[in-house]
C-alpha atoms as a PDB file:
ATOM      1  CA  MET A   1     110.873 103.826  77.931  1.00  0.00           C
ATOM      2  CA  PRO A   2     109.003 106.439  80.018  1.00  0.00           C
ATOM      3  CA  ARG A   3     109.847 106.587  83.683  1.00  0.00           C
ATOM      4  CA  ALA A   4     107.129 105.245  85.961  1.00  0.00           C
ATOM      5  CA  ARG A   5     105.950 107.547  88.730  1.00  0.00           C
ATOM      6  CA  LYS A   6     105.695 106.209  92.273  1.00  0.00           C
ATOM      7  CA  ALA A   7     104.174 109.233  93.988  1.00  0.00           C
ATOM      8  CA  SER A   8     102.576 112.486  93.025  1.00  0.00           C
ATOM      9  CA  SER A   9     103.128 116.088  94.002  1.00  0.00           C
ATOM     10  CA  MET A  10      99.355 116.343  94.049  1.00  0.00           C
ATOM     11  CA  ASP A  11      99.578 114.662  97.457  1.00  0.00           C
ATOM     12  CA  TYR A  12     101.913 117.273  99.006  1.00  0.00           C
ATOM     13  CA  ASN A  13     102.425 120.999  99.206  1.00  0.00           C
ATOM     14  CA  TYR A  14     106.221 121.002  99.441  1.00  0.00           C
ATOM     15  CA  ASN A  15     106.279 124.568 100.765  1.00  0.00           C
ATOM     16  CA  THR A  16     104.712 123.387 104.019  1.00  0.00           C
ATOM     17  CA  TYR A  17     107.789 121.208 104.587  1.00  0.00           C
ATOM     18  CA  ILE A  18     110.284 124.066 104.206  1.00  0.00           C
ATOM     19  CA  ALA A  19     110.945 126.427 107.113  1.00  0.00           C
ATOM     20  CA  ALA A  20     112.329 129.934 106.578  1.00  0.00           C
ATOM     21  CA  VAL A  21     114.674 131.539 109.093  1.00  0.00           C
ATOM     22  CA  ASP A  22     115.014 135.295 108.661  1.00  0.00           C
ATOM     23  CA  ASP A  23     118.195 137.197 109.495  1.00  0.00           C
ATOM     24  CA  PHE A  24     120.262 133.997 109.476  1.00  0.00           C
ATOM     25  CA  HIS A  25     123.793 134.964 110.533  1.00  0.00           C
ATOM     26  CA  GLU A  26     123.164 138.527 109.342  1.00  0.00           C
ATOM     27  CA  LYS A  27     120.259 140.890 108.879  1.00  0.00           C
ATOM     28  CA  GLY A  28     118.466 140.483 105.554  1.00  0.00           C
ATOM     29  CA  VAL A  29     119.542 136.895 104.921  1.00  0.00           C
ATOM     30  CA  ARG A  30     116.776 134.307 104.726  1.00  0.00           C
ATOM     31  CA  PHE A  31     117.811 130.666 105.165  1.00  0.00           C
ATOM     32  CA  PHE A  32     115.541 127.833 104.115  1.00  0.00           C
ATOM     33  CA  VAL A  33     115.587 124.739 106.325  1.00  0.00           C
ATOM     34  CA  LEU A  34     114.936 121.625 104.251  1.00  0.00           C
ATOM     35  CA  ALA A  35     115.205 119.056 107.049  1.00  0.00           C
ATOM     36  CA  PRO A  36     111.418 118.539 107.283  1.00  0.00           C
ATOM     37  CA  LEU A  37     111.242 118.039 103.496  1.00  0.00           C
ATOM     38  CA  ILE A  38     113.919 115.360 103.381  1.00  0.00           C
ATOM     39  CA  GLY A  39     112.979 113.990 106.798  1.00  0.00           C
ATOM     40  CA  SER A  40     109.681 112.595 105.563  1.00  0.00           C
ATOM     41  CA  GLY A  41     110.305 109.568 103.382  1.00  0.00           C
ATOM     42  CA  ALA A  42     107.005 109.836 101.542  1.00  0.00           C
ATOM     43  CA  VAL A  43     107.366 113.566 100.846  1.00  0.00           C
ATOM     44  CA  PHE A  44     111.017 113.253  99.810  1.00  0.00           C
ATOM     45  CA  GLN A  45     110.180 110.362  97.490  1.00  0.00           C
ATOM     46  CA  ALA A  46     107.356 112.328  95.867  1.00  0.00           C
ATOM     47  CA  LEU A  47     109.633 115.338  95.389  1.00  0.00           C
ATOM     48  CA  ILE A  48     112.352 113.221  93.767  1.00  0.00           C
ATOM     49  CA  GLU A  49     109.763 111.627  91.488  1.00  0.00           C
ATOM     50  CA  ASP A  50     108.555 115.077  90.444  1.00  0.00           C
ATOM     51  CA  MET A  51     112.092 116.316  89.848  1.00  0.00           C
ATOM     52  CA  ALA A  52     113.018 113.177  87.897  1.00  0.00           C
ATOM     53  CA  ALA A  53     109.965 113.626  85.672  1.00  0.00           C
ATOM     54  CA  LEU A  54     111.460 116.921  84.462  1.00  0.00           C
ATOM     55  CA  VAL A  55     114.751 115.363  83.337  1.00  0.00           C
ATOM     56  CA  PRO A  56     114.984 114.430  79.653  1.00  0.00           C
ATOM     57  CA  GLU A  57     115.150 110.678  79.129  1.00  0.00           C
ATOM     58  CA  THR A  58     118.413 110.961  77.214  1.00  0.00           C
ATOM     59  CA  THR A  59     120.206 112.381  80.268  1.00  0.00           C
ATOM     60  CA  GLU A  60     123.292 110.383  81.210  1.00  0.00           C
ATOM     61  CA  LYS A  61     124.619 112.503  84.090  1.00  0.00           C
ATOM     62  CA  ILE A  62     123.224 114.796  86.744  1.00  0.00           C
ATOM     63  CA  VAL A  63     125.507 117.616  87.873  1.00  0.00           C
ATOM     64  CA  ALA A  64     125.012 118.667  91.503  1.00  0.00           C
ATOM     65  CA  PHE A  65     126.555 121.610  93.351  1.00  0.00           C
ATOM     66  CA  ASP A  66     127.550 121.346  97.007  1.00  0.00           C
ATOM     67  CA  ALA A  67     125.623 120.070 100.011  1.00  0.00           C
ATOM     68  CA  ARG A  68     121.955 120.391  99.088  1.00  0.00           C
ATOM     69  CA  GLY A  69     122.677 119.655  95.459  1.00  0.00           C
ATOM     70  CA  PHE A  70     124.363 116.418  96.474  1.00  0.00           C
ATOM     71  CA  ILE A  71     121.243 115.315  98.350  1.00  0.00           C
ATOM     72  CA  PHE A  72     118.757 116.092  95.598  1.00  0.00           C
ATOM     73  CA  GLY A  73     121.038 115.447  92.641  1.00  0.00           C
ATOM     74  CA  GLY A  74     122.107 112.076  94.008  1.00  0.00           C
ATOM     75  CA  ALA A  75     118.544 110.982  94.600  1.00  0.00           C
ATOM     76  CA  VAL A  76     117.401 112.097  91.135  1.00  0.00           C
ATOM     77  CA  ALA A  77     120.404 110.452  89.477  1.00  0.00           C
ATOM     78  CA  ALA A  78     119.691 107.181  91.276  1.00  0.00           C
ATOM     79  CA  ARG A  79     116.005 107.383  90.354  1.00  0.00           C
ATOM     80  CA  ILE A  80     116.662 107.825  86.628  1.00  0.00           C
ATOM     81  CA  GLY A  81     119.704 105.564  86.435  1.00  0.00           C
ATOM     82  CA  ALA A  82     122.115 108.374  85.569  1.00  0.00           C
ATOM     83  CA  GLY A  83     125.610 109.101  86.807  1.00  0.00           C
ATOM     84  CA  LEU A  84     126.325 111.902  89.264  1.00  0.00           C
ATOM     85  CA  VAL A  85     128.941 114.636  88.868  1.00  0.00           C
ATOM     86  CA  LEU A  86     129.733 116.520  92.083  1.00  0.00           C
ATOM     87  CA  LEU A  87     130.799 120.171  91.939  1.00  0.00           C
ATOM     88  CA  ARG A  88     132.325 121.849  94.968  1.00  0.00           C
ATOM     89  CA  SER A  89     132.834 125.499  95.725  1.00  0.00           C
END
């Protein structure tokens, strides 16, 4: 059964919710702050819906790597009814 969509990326430009910090801890390193993206319930929900739409329906597990992966991977796994495998560095 196809997954129903609750929100649409057409409503949001996700890039406007991501802040870039140049020279983070050392010169030449750019760090992306995702707090505004996950801090807005509506935007975060739309993003997870868009990510979940890309996952094949036969997927049984989502594999997520470390901190940010746990946030997004966990939300996508919950949305599609899949298990979550956590990888740590």
